[in-house]
Protein backbone atom coordinates (compact mmCIF):
# COMPACT_ATOMS: atom_id res chain seq x y z
CA MET A 1 -5.62 -5.12 9.64
CA LYS A 2 -3.04 -4.99 7.01
CA PRO A 3 -0.61 -7.94 6.79
CA ASN A 4 2.81 -7.57 8.66
CA LEU A 5 5.27 -6.05 6.35
CA LEU A 6 7.43 -8.83 6.90
CA LEU A 7 5.24 -11.33 5.74
CA GLY A 8 3.24 -11.86 2.24
CA ILE A 9 4.47 -15.44 1.34
CA SER A 10 4.11 -18.91 3.01
CA LEU A 11 7.48 -20.29 3.41
CA THR A 12 8.42 -23.86 3.36
CA THR A 13 10.32 -25.54 6.39
CA ALA A 14 13.23 -25.89 4.16
CA LEU A 15 13.36 -22.12 3.06
CA LEU A 16 13.12 -21.19 6.79
CA SER A 17 16.14 -23.29 7.81
CA ALA A 18 18.13 -22.32 5.05
CA PRO A 19 21.60 -20.42 5.87
CA TRP A 20 21.44 -16.83 5.68
CA ASN A 21 24.12 -16.44 2.97
CA ALA A 22 22.55 -19.21 0.90
CA LEU A 23 19.53 -17.15 0.77
CA ALA A 24 21.27 -13.99 -0.04
CA GLN A 25 22.90 -15.73 -2.84
CA ALA A 26 19.72 -17.27 -4.22
CA ALA A 27 18.66 -13.57 -4.34
CA GLN A 28 21.54 -12.57 -6.87
CA PRO A 29 19.92 -12.65 -10.48
CA ARG A 30 21.89 -14.55 -13.19
CA GLN A 31 23.60 -12.59 -15.81
CA GLU A 32 21.96 -12.23 -19.32
CA PRO A 33 24.67 -13.21 -22.12
CA ALA A 34 25.66 -10.37 -23.77
CA GLY A 35 24.08 -9.80 -27.20
CA GLN A 36 21.09 -12.02 -26.68
CA GLY A 37 18.37 -9.28 -26.48
CA SER A 38 15.02 -10.15 -25.88
CA GLN A 39 15.28 -13.86 -27.43
CA THR A 40 16.84 -14.95 -23.95
CA ARG A 41 14.52 -15.87 -20.80
CA SER A 42 16.66 -15.56 -18.01
CA ALA A 43 15.84 -14.34 -14.33
CA PRO A 44 15.14 -10.80 -13.39
CA SER A 45 17.92 -8.42 -14.12
CA ALA A 46 18.80 -6.38 -10.94
CA GLN A 47 19.37 -3.29 -12.80
CA VAL A 48 16.54 -0.70 -13.17
CA HIS A 49 17.11 1.91 -15.96
CA THR A 50 16.14 5.02 -15.16
CA PHE A 51 15.32 7.92 -17.71
CA ARG A 52 13.70 11.49 -17.47
CA LEU A 53 11.82 12.60 -20.26
CA ALA A 54 11.89 16.36 -21.60
CA ASN A 55 8.80 17.26 -20.02
CA GLY A 56 9.75 16.09 -16.38
CA MET A 57 8.12 12.76 -16.68
CA THR A 58 10.28 9.58 -15.40
CA LEU A 59 10.59 6.73 -16.67
CA TRP A 60 11.79 3.31 -14.96
CA VAL A 61 12.32 0.01 -16.88
CA LYS A 62 13.11 -3.39 -15.26
CA PRO A 63 13.81 -6.08 -17.78
CA ASP A 64 12.68 -9.63 -17.02
CA ARG A 65 12.90 -11.91 -20.26
CA ARG A 66 11.36 -15.13 -18.53
CA ALA A 67 8.48 -14.96 -20.42
CA PRO A 68 7.01 -12.67 -23.20
CA THR A 69 4.81 -10.42 -21.47
CA ALA A 70 5.30 -6.83 -19.87
CA VAL A 71 3.52 -4.76 -17.03
CA HIS A 72 2.92 -0.96 -17.75
CA MET A 73 2.25 1.27 -14.92
CA VAL A 74 1.74 4.94 -14.77
CA TRP A 75 2.20 6.24 -10.96
CA LEU A 76 1.20 9.70 -9.73
CA ARG A 77 2.27 11.19 -6.85
CA VAL A 78 -1.03 12.17 -5.70
CA GLY A 79 -3.87 10.33 -3.46
CA SER A 80 -6.38 10.94 -0.98
CA MET A 81 -3.82 12.98 1.27
CA ASP A 82 -3.76 15.83 -1.09
CA GLU A 83 -7.43 16.22 -1.04
CA VAL A 84 -9.07 19.10 0.70
CA ASP A 85 -11.88 19.15 3.50
CA GLY A 86 -14.93 19.08 1.52
CA THR A 87 -13.79 17.10 -1.19
CA SER A 88 -12.50 13.86 0.40
CA GLY A 89 -12.76 10.96 -1.84
CA VAL A 90 -12.14 12.83 -5.31
CA ALA A 91 -8.75 11.46 -6.08
CA HIS A 92 -10.74 7.88 -6.16
CA VAL A 93 -13.52 9.17 -8.04
CA LEU A 94 -10.84 10.61 -10.68
CA GLU A 95 -9.24 7.26 -10.74
CA HIS A 96 -12.76 5.69 -11.75
CA MET A 97 -12.88 8.76 -14.58
CA LEU A 98 -10.26 8.12 -16.34
CA PHE A 99 -11.92 4.88 -17.69
CA LYS A 100 -14.42 7.25 -19.24
CA GLY A 101 -13.05 8.79 -22.20
CA THR A 102 -10.89 10.90 -24.22
CA PRO A 103 -11.71 12.81 -27.45
CA SER A 104 -10.64 9.67 -29.31
CA LEU A 105 -11.90 7.20 -27.20
CA ALA A 106 -15.57 5.99 -26.09
CA VAL A 107 -16.72 5.63 -22.71
CA GLY A 108 -15.21 2.14 -21.70
CA GLU A 109 -13.24 1.59 -24.82
CA PHE A 110 -10.07 1.68 -23.16
CA SER A 111 -10.71 -1.29 -21.19
CA ARG A 112 -11.99 -3.04 -24.30
CA ARG A 113 -9.06 -2.13 -26.34
CA VAL A 114 -6.60 -3.72 -23.70
CA ALA A 115 -8.54 -6.99 -23.95
CA ALA A 116 -8.61 -6.96 -27.55
CA LEU A 117 -4.79 -7.04 -27.16
CA GLY A 118 -4.50 -9.89 -25.10
CA GLY A 119 -4.06 -8.19 -21.60
CA ARG A 120 -6.19 -6.74 -18.56
CA ASP A 121 -5.94 -3.83 -16.95
CA ASN A 122 -7.26 -1.84 -13.53
CA ALA A 123 -6.52 1.16 -11.23
CA PHE A 124 -5.87 1.88 -7.52
CA THR A 125 -6.11 4.86 -5.39
CA ALA A 126 -4.45 5.12 -1.83
CA LYS A 127 -3.62 7.84 0.66
CA ASP A 128 0.02 8.44 -1.27
CA TYR A 129 -0.81 7.66 -4.84
CA THR A 130 -2.93 6.67 -7.52
CA GLY A 131 -1.73 4.34 -10.17
CA TYR A 132 -3.12 2.52 -13.78
CA TYR A 133 -1.84 -0.73 -15.19
CA GLN A 134 -1.96 -3.00 -17.82
CA GLN A 135 -0.49 -6.30 -18.13
CA ILE A 136 0.08 -7.59 -21.57
CA PRO A 137 1.99 -9.32 -24.39
CA SER A 138 5.33 -7.49 -24.40
CA ASP A 139 4.62 -6.98 -28.30
CA GLN A 140 1.63 -4.83 -27.39
CA LEU A 141 3.57 -2.53 -25.22
CA ALA A 142 3.37 0.42 -27.68
CA ALA A 143 -0.40 0.13 -28.09
CA VAL A 144 -1.08 0.53 -24.20
CA MET A 145 1.32 3.11 -24.07
CA ARG A 146 -0.46 4.99 -26.66
CA LEU A 147 -3.67 4.48 -24.86
CA GLU A 148 -2.58 5.24 -21.50
CA ALA A 149 -1.01 8.69 -22.77
CA ASP A 150 -3.88 9.48 -24.26
CA ARG A 151 -6.16 9.45 -21.17
CA PHE A 152 -3.09 11.03 -19.42
CA ALA A 153 -3.25 13.94 -20.97
CA ASN A 154 -6.69 14.14 -22.76
CA ASN A 155 -9.18 12.64 -20.32
CA GLN A 156 -12.60 13.99 -20.84
CA TRP A 157 -16.31 13.06 -20.18
CA PRO A 158 -19.71 14.53 -19.89
CA ASP A 159 -21.29 15.30 -16.70
CA ALA A 160 -24.09 12.84 -16.94
CA GLU A 161 -21.26 10.27 -16.98
CA PHE A 162 -19.61 11.65 -13.71
CA VAL A 163 -23.01 11.47 -11.98
CA LYS A 164 -23.45 7.87 -12.91
CA GLU A 165 -20.03 6.81 -11.90
CA LEU A 166 -20.30 8.92 -8.68
CA GLU A 167 -23.10 6.22 -7.87
CA VAL A 168 -20.98 3.34 -8.40
CA VAL A 169 -18.76 5.02 -6.01
CA LYS A 170 -20.97 5.51 -3.20
CA GLU A 171 -22.15 1.78 -3.82
CA GLU A 172 -18.36 0.94 -3.07
CA ARG A 173 -18.42 3.04 0.18
CA ARG A 174 -21.45 1.50 1.35
CA LEU A 175 -20.41 -2.17 0.57
CA ARG A 176 -16.81 -1.88 1.87
CA THR A 177 -17.16 0.68 4.72
CA ASP A 178 -20.41 0.90 5.51
CA ASP A 179 -21.80 -2.31 5.83
CA ASN A 180 -18.17 -3.45 7.15
CA PRO A 181 -18.24 -2.75 11.15
CA ARG A 182 -14.32 -2.99 11.38
CA ALA A 183 -13.74 -1.03 8.28
CA GLN A 184 -15.94 1.82 9.96
CA LEU A 185 -14.00 1.21 13.30
CA HIS A 186 -10.68 1.99 11.53
CA GLU A 187 -12.11 4.95 9.39
CA MET A 188 -13.09 6.47 12.83
CA LEU A 189 -9.78 5.39 14.43
CA MET A 190 -7.88 7.53 11.99
CA ALA A 191 -10.32 10.54 12.53
CA THR A 192 -9.76 10.18 16.20
CA ALA A 193 -6.35 9.78 16.34
CA LEU A 194 -5.14 12.50 13.98
CA SER A 195 -6.45 15.90 13.70
CA ALA A 196 -4.30 17.86 11.21
CA SER A 197 -2.90 15.14 8.96
CA PRO A 198 -5.03 14.55 5.81
CA TYR A 199 -4.31 10.87 6.32
CA ARG A 200 -7.52 11.18 8.71
CA ARG A 201 -9.59 11.29 5.99
CA PRO A 202 -10.92 8.06 4.16
CA ILE A 203 -9.61 7.32 0.64
CA VAL A 204 -13.09 6.32 -0.34
CA GLY A 205 -14.25 9.96 1.16
CA TRP A 206 -16.75 10.64 3.51
CA MET A 207 -20.44 10.10 2.09
CA SER A 208 -21.31 13.52 2.88
CA ASP A 209 -18.60 14.70 0.50
CA LEU A 210 -19.51 12.28 -2.29
CA GLU A 211 -23.17 13.49 -1.95
CA ALA A 212 -21.63 17.04 -2.42
CA MET A 213 -19.41 16.45 -5.19
CA SER A 214 -19.30 17.79 -8.62
CA ALA A 215 -17.77 16.86 -11.83
CA GLN A 216 -15.77 20.27 -12.05
CA ASP A 217 -14.14 19.01 -8.42
CA ALA A 218 -12.75 15.95 -10.45
CA ARG A 219 -11.83 18.12 -13.38
CA ASP A 220 -10.00 20.48 -11.12
CA PHE A 221 -8.38 17.60 -9.13
CA TYR A 222 -7.07 16.52 -12.88
CA ARG A 223 -5.65 19.68 -13.90
CA LYS A 224 -4.01 20.40 -10.92
CA TRP A 225 -2.16 17.09 -10.35
CA TYR A 226 -2.20 15.34 -13.60
CA THR A 227 1.00 16.66 -14.95
CA PRO A 228 4.12 14.83 -16.31
CA SER A 229 6.71 15.95 -13.49
CA ASN A 230 4.18 14.36 -10.87
CA ALA A 231 4.14 10.73 -12.87
CA VAL A 232 6.20 7.97 -13.35
CA VAL A 233 6.00 5.40 -16.07
CA VAL A 234 7.05 1.62 -14.90
CA VAL A 235 7.57 -0.81 -17.33
CA ALA A 236 8.85 -4.47 -16.33
CA GLY A 237 9.09 -7.66 -18.32
CA ASP A 238 10.49 -9.01 -21.56
CA VAL A 239 11.50 -5.62 -23.15
CA ASP A 240 14.58 -3.52 -23.98
CA PRO A 241 14.95 -0.33 -21.87
CA LEU A 242 16.25 1.87 -24.86
CA GLN A 243 13.28 0.77 -27.25
CA VAL A 244 10.72 1.51 -24.20
CA LYS A 245 12.56 4.73 -23.93
CA VAL A 246 12.02 5.51 -27.60
CA LEU A 247 8.31 4.91 -26.98
CA ALA A 248 7.72 6.87 -23.84
CA ASP A 249 9.38 9.99 -25.98
CA GLN A 250 6.91 9.28 -28.60
CA TYR A 251 3.79 9.00 -26.59
CA TYR A 252 4.43 10.64 -23.28
CA GLY A 253 7.22 13.04 -23.91
CA VAL A 254 5.03 14.95 -25.99
CA ILE A 255 2.42 15.96 -23.30
CA PRO A 256 3.10 19.47 -22.25
CA ALA A 257 5.06 20.22 -19.32
CA ARG A 258 3.42 21.81 -16.25
CA SER A 259 4.66 22.79 -12.62
CA VAL A 260 3.32 20.60 -9.79
CA ALA A 261 0.90 22.45 -7.26
CA GLU A 262 2.55 23.32 -4.31
CA ARG A 263 1.85 20.93 -1.08
CA LYS A 264 1.27 22.54 2.01
CA PRO A 265 2.74 20.87 4.97
CA GLN A 266 -0.20 19.78 7.50
CA GLN A 267 2.22 18.38 10.30
CA GLU A 268 0.36 16.37 12.85
CA PRO A 269 0.62 18.11 16.27
CA GLU A 270 2.26 16.07 19.06
CA GLN A 271 -0.60 13.84 20.94
CA GLN A 272 -0.77 15.01 24.66
CA GLY A 273 -2.63 12.38 26.02
CA LEU A 274 -4.54 8.69 25.44
CA ARG A 275 -7.52 8.78 23.16
CA ARG A 276 -10.36 6.45 23.23
CA LEU A 277 -13.02 5.72 20.66
CA GLU A 278 -16.19 3.49 21.34
CA PHE A 279 -18.15 2.38 18.20
CA LYS A 280 -21.30 0.51 18.32
CA ALA A 281 -22.63 -1.30 15.35
CA PRO A 282 -24.46 -4.74 14.44
CA ALA A 283 -21.73 -7.17 14.58
CA GLU A 284 -21.27 -10.90 15.87
CA GLN A 285 -17.98 -10.09 17.73
CA ALA A 286 -16.40 -7.30 19.55
CA TYR A 287 -13.16 -5.96 18.27
CA VAL A 288 -10.28 -3.77 19.49
CA ALA A 289 -7.63 -1.97 17.91
CA LEU A 290 -4.78 -0.12 19.32
CA ALA A 291 -2.78 2.52 17.42
CA PHE A 292 0.74 3.94 18.56
CA LYS A 293 2.15 6.94 16.78
CA VAL A 294 5.67 5.93 15.73
CA PRO A 295 8.29 7.34 13.54
CA ARG A 296 8.52 6.40 9.61
CA LEU A 297 11.10 5.53 7.47
CA ALA A 298 11.09 8.71 5.43
CA ASN A 299 14.31 7.73 3.35
CA LEU A 300 17.31 5.13 3.76
CA ASP A 301 19.54 7.95 5.68
CA VAL A 302 20.75 6.27 9.03
CA THR A 303 19.13 8.33 11.74
CA PRO A 304 17.92 7.40 15.18
CA GLU A 305 14.19 7.76 13.92
CA HIS A 306 14.91 5.71 11.15
CA ASN A 307 16.41 3.12 12.79
CA ASP A 308 13.80 2.92 15.65
CA ALA A 309 11.37 2.41 12.48
CA LEU A 310 13.12 -0.39 11.45
CA ALA A 311 13.28 -2.09 14.76
CA LEU A 312 9.48 -1.53 15.30
CA THR A 313 9.08 -3.38 12.13
CA VAL A 314 11.19 -6.28 13.40
CA LEU A 315 8.72 -6.19 16.77
CA ALA A 316 5.80 -6.44 14.86
CA ALA A 317 7.11 -9.44 13.10
CA VAL A 318 8.49 -11.04 16.23
CA LEU A 319 5.05 -10.84 17.50
CA ASP A 320 2.71 -11.64 14.65
CA GLY A 321 5.30 -12.37 12.04
CA TYR A 322 4.95 -16.34 11.65
CA SER A 323 2.59 -18.96 12.68
CA GLY A 324 2.85 -19.47 16.26
CA ALA A 325 4.65 -16.06 16.97
CA ARG A 326 4.22 -14.40 20.42
CA LEU A 327 0.52 -13.03 20.45
CA GLU A 328 -0.89 -16.33 18.67
CA ARG A 329 0.78 -18.47 21.08
CA THR A 330 0.11 -16.52 24.25
CA LEU A 331 -3.58 -15.13 23.56
CA THR A 332 -5.39 -17.41 20.97
CA GLN A 333 -4.31 -21.02 22.39
CA GLY A 334 -4.98 -23.10 25.32
CA ASN A 335 -8.22 -23.48 27.69
CA THR A 336 -7.83 -19.66 29.04
CA ARG A 337 -7.77 -18.04 25.83
CA LEU A 338 -8.44 -14.55 25.51
CA ALA A 339 -8.72 -14.04 21.71
CA ASP A 340 -9.98 -15.64 18.61
CA SER A 341 -7.60 -13.84 16.69
CA VAL A 342 -4.55 -11.09 17.03
CA GLY A 343 -2.50 -8.98 15.18
CA ALA A 344 0.53 -6.70 14.88
CA HIS A 345 1.49 -4.38 12.31
CA ASN A 346 3.92 -1.45 11.95
CA GLY A 347 3.41 1.26 9.09
CA LEU A 348 7.16 1.38 8.26
CA MET A 349 6.83 4.03 5.19
CA GLY A 350 4.24 6.55 3.76
CA ARG A 351 4.06 10.35 3.08
CA GLY A 352 2.22 10.41 6.16
CA PRO A 353 2.36 9.78 9.91
CA GLN A 354 2.91 5.96 10.86
CA PHE A 355 1.12 3.72 13.34
CA PHE A 356 2.08 0.57 15.21
CA TYR A 357 -1.14 -1.68 15.54
CA LEU A 358 -2.33 -4.18 17.85
CA ASP A 359 -5.62 -5.75 17.38
CA GLY A 360 -7.80 -8.63 18.20
CA VAL A 361 -11.05 -10.03 18.72
CA PRO A 362 -11.91 -11.35 22.06
CA SER A 363 -13.15 -14.90 22.55
CA PRO A 364 -16.58 -15.50 23.99
CA GLY A 365 -16.81 -14.57 27.50
CA GLN A 366 -13.76 -12.27 27.37
CA THR A 367 -14.06 -8.59 26.93
CA PRO A 368 -12.05 -5.94 24.81
CA GLU A 369 -10.68 -4.58 27.89
CA ALA A 370 -9.16 -7.60 28.86
CA LEU A 371 -7.63 -8.36 25.24
CA GLU A 372 -6.31 -4.44 25.35
CA VAL A 373 -4.55 -5.17 28.33
CA ALA A 374 -3.02 -8.28 27.32
CA LEU A 375 -1.95 -7.09 24.03
CA ARG A 376 -0.08 -4.15 25.63
CA ALA A 377 1.30 -6.88 28.12
CA GLN A 378 3.15 -8.68 25.41
CA VAL A 379 5.17 -5.54 24.14
CA GLN A 380 5.61 -4.82 27.51
CA ARG A 381 7.10 -8.18 27.88
CA VAL A 382 9.65 -7.51 25.06
CA ALA A 383 10.04 -4.28 26.69
CA ASN A 384 11.03 -5.84 30.14
CA GLU A 385 12.97 -9.14 28.69
CA GLY A 386 14.10 -8.45 25.39
CA VAL A 387 14.43 -11.15 22.72
CA ILE A 388 16.67 -13.66 21.51
CA GLU A 389 18.88 -13.52 18.53
CA ALA A 390 17.23 -16.71 17.11
CA GLU A 391 13.67 -14.85 17.04
CA LEU A 392 14.96 -11.72 15.15
CA GLU A 393 17.19 -14.49 12.62
CA ARG A 394 13.72 -16.16 11.69
CA VAL A 395 12.24 -12.85 11.17
CA LYS A 396 15.13 -11.80 8.99
CA THR A 397 15.04 -15.19 7.10
CA GLN A 398 11.52 -14.40 6.16
CA TRP A 399 12.24 -10.83 4.88
CA VAL A 400 15.39 -12.27 2.54
CA ALA A 401 12.96 -15.06 1.41
CA SER A 402 10.11 -12.87 0.42
CA GLU A 403 12.19 -10.65 -1.42
CA ILE A 404 13.17 -14.04 -3.66
CA TYR A 405 9.88 -14.91 -4.15
CA LYS A 406 8.79 -11.45 -5.43
CA LEU A 407 11.19 -11.43 -8.23
CA ASP A 408 8.75 -14.77 -9.44
CA SER A 409 6.27 -11.79 -10.24
CA VAL A 410 6.62 -9.28 -13.06
CA PHE A 411 3.91 -7.46 -11.57
CA ASN A 412 5.12 -7.13 -8.00
CA GLN A 413 8.54 -5.99 -9.63
CA ALA A 414 6.53 -3.27 -11.41
CA ARG A 415 4.61 -2.45 -8.23
CA GLU A 416 7.65 -2.13 -5.98
CA LEU A 417 9.33 0.19 -8.34
CA GLY A 418 6.08 2.63 -8.41
CA VAL A 419 6.01 2.73 -4.69
CA ALA A 420 9.54 3.56 -4.33
CA TRP A 421 9.18 6.36 -6.71
CA ILE A 422 6.29 7.83 -4.84
CA LEU A 423 8.13 7.45 -1.52
CA GLY A 424 11.41 8.99 -3.04
CA LEU A 425 13.39 5.85 -2.46
CA PRO A 426 16.06 4.63 -4.97
CA PRO A 427 15.06 1.80 -7.21
CA GLU A 428 17.53 -0.45 -5.45
CA HIS A 429 15.51 0.39 -2.19
CA GLY A 430 14.79 -3.32 -1.62
CA ALA A 431 18.21 -4.40 -1.04
CA GLN A 432 19.29 -1.47 0.91
CA LEU A 433 16.46 -2.26 3.31
CA ILE A 434 17.45 -5.68 3.90
CA ALA A 435 20.84 -4.52 4.46
CA ARG A 436 19.26 -2.08 7.10
CA LEU A 437 16.94 -4.81 8.38
CA ARG A 438 19.66 -7.24 8.88
CA GLN A 439 21.52 -4.95 11.12
CA VAL A 440 18.65 -4.60 13.69
CA THR A 441 19.63 -5.96 17.29
CA PRO A 442 18.00 -7.77 19.95
CA ALA A 443 18.95 -4.22 22.27
CA GLN A 444 17.22 -1.93 19.58
CA VAL A 445 13.86 -4.09 19.24
CA GLN A 446 13.82 -3.84 23.20
CA ALA A 447 14.71 -0.11 23.00
CA VAL A 448 11.36 1.05 20.87
CA ALA A 449 9.38 -1.55 22.66
CA GLN A 450 10.35 0.39 25.76
CA LYS A 451 9.90 3.82 24.13
CA TYR A 452 6.92 4.20 21.87
CA PHE A 453 3.82 2.32 23.92
CA GLY A 454 2.99 4.75 26.45
CA ASP A 455 -0.56 6.30 26.74
CA ASP A 456 0.28 9.73 25.39
CA ASN A 457 0.95 7.89 21.77
CA LEU A 458 -2.06 5.70 22.13
CA THR A 459 -5.40 5.80 20.34
CA VAL A 460 -7.70 2.95 21.50
CA ALA A 461 -10.71 1.94 19.42
CA ILE A 462 -13.47 -0.72 20.64
CA LEU A 463 -16.34 -2.26 18.46
CA ARG A 464 -19.57 -3.14 20.71
CA PRO A 465 -21.42 -5.49 18.80
CA GLN A 466 -25.20 -4.82 18.37
CA PRO A 467 -28.11 -7.11 17.65
CA LEU A 468 -27.89 -8.40 13.95
CA SER A 469 -31.82 -8.58 13.61
CA GLY A 470 -33.33 -6.62 11.20
CA GLN A 471 -30.24 -6.23 8.98
CA SER A 472 -30.44 -6.28 5.11
CA ARG A 473 -29.13 -8.83 2.91
CA PRO A 474 -25.28 -8.51 2.27
CA ARG A 475 -24.83 -6.18 -0.99
CA ARG A 476 -23.39 -7.12 -4.06
CA ALA A 477 -20.48 -5.60 -5.64
CA PRO A 478 -21.28 -2.27 -7.76
CA ALA A 479 -21.31 -2.64 -11.27
CA GLY A 480 -18.15 -0.95 -12.59
CA ALA A 481 -15.98 -1.29 -9.49
CA ARG A 482 -12.73 -1.24 -10.70
CA HIS A 483 -10.60 -2.65 -7.69
């Protein structure tokens, strides 16, 4: 399962016990002396400078002058959810092909050029987006912007190169999904829980679709979605925003404007009853995953659904947000423990439908059914008894602390801005989100525990382990895998 949204760092005892107002003050950046420019090494500025280029492309710049480095990213609001049946996985395959050349760059030359500049690069594909990044000395920003703009506008490669790279992607699927029983189970869980939403398809694609994919499928997807108005350039680090804007106009602003393709709604119909999935695969232990459909935080407007989404995120942290939280304490400890491991996670934000997950590995001698009942019982306990204010304060303190620690990473600063743009959130959404989470009350947490955990919203998946005998040796990561 994904880590809980309220976590992401290990907190010291001192930080956990720090007063709330002290943490909030610590989160405030120091002000940079006027006129010092890029020569001043200071804490990251809270201000994000936003621009719109003539062709519709967005530019977000966040100065952080503590070190002479920068992160340059291009995010596109296109991911696996924008594919159509029969071409699942094409967004990810295309991400690979962006490294395969332009009229002025040979295959693989992009990464070699970035490395020669003293930087490193990679890319990623998700359900909601595709992204490309370089971490570089800040004085090399112009060079990587020129490279990235070139492949954004002029990506091209021969069919033979596509065929070769497609085999790399297939091997990625075998390594990360087909040879991983829990990954297979979660893939099938989404395909069972969802019927209309494109979130039901795996990011890497179904193997049958990969087998049938053509080079033209990838080229068509590129022409449809890789347009300036569907992208944002994010730059964070030791940079001057106005100078970055000049460079962006020079390299990105000259890319011809094209309209963004129409997106079909593909709304998920309301679930009408419990769904169950039994999955058999060679494995050492059983595993159970419960997925409850819940509301998502579509924006920062104050609405009942958005308040519930925030309260569900806090509920997940109460259950599994710190060492010794409720699920771990009650289900994995003691002589009669039910589970070797347990977890809870709420999908707070995304372009598509979200779930509240409970999962776990039964201890030897325990059944997945017994663990399923026990996991649900812990939510029901919150529904019946509520939570105390001290539990919520601990969870909220961790959230604020995590925001402070994120400021230490320029890469994380850029990444959070990219995700915000993809989801249509303002650059300052982090501070606004903290403020909203601070307002979640024990009564709200109890109310969502009572509201969203019935059978009609639930899909249960159980992994039934099969004998491991005769299994092949573990696969090695495929050559050319980028992430």
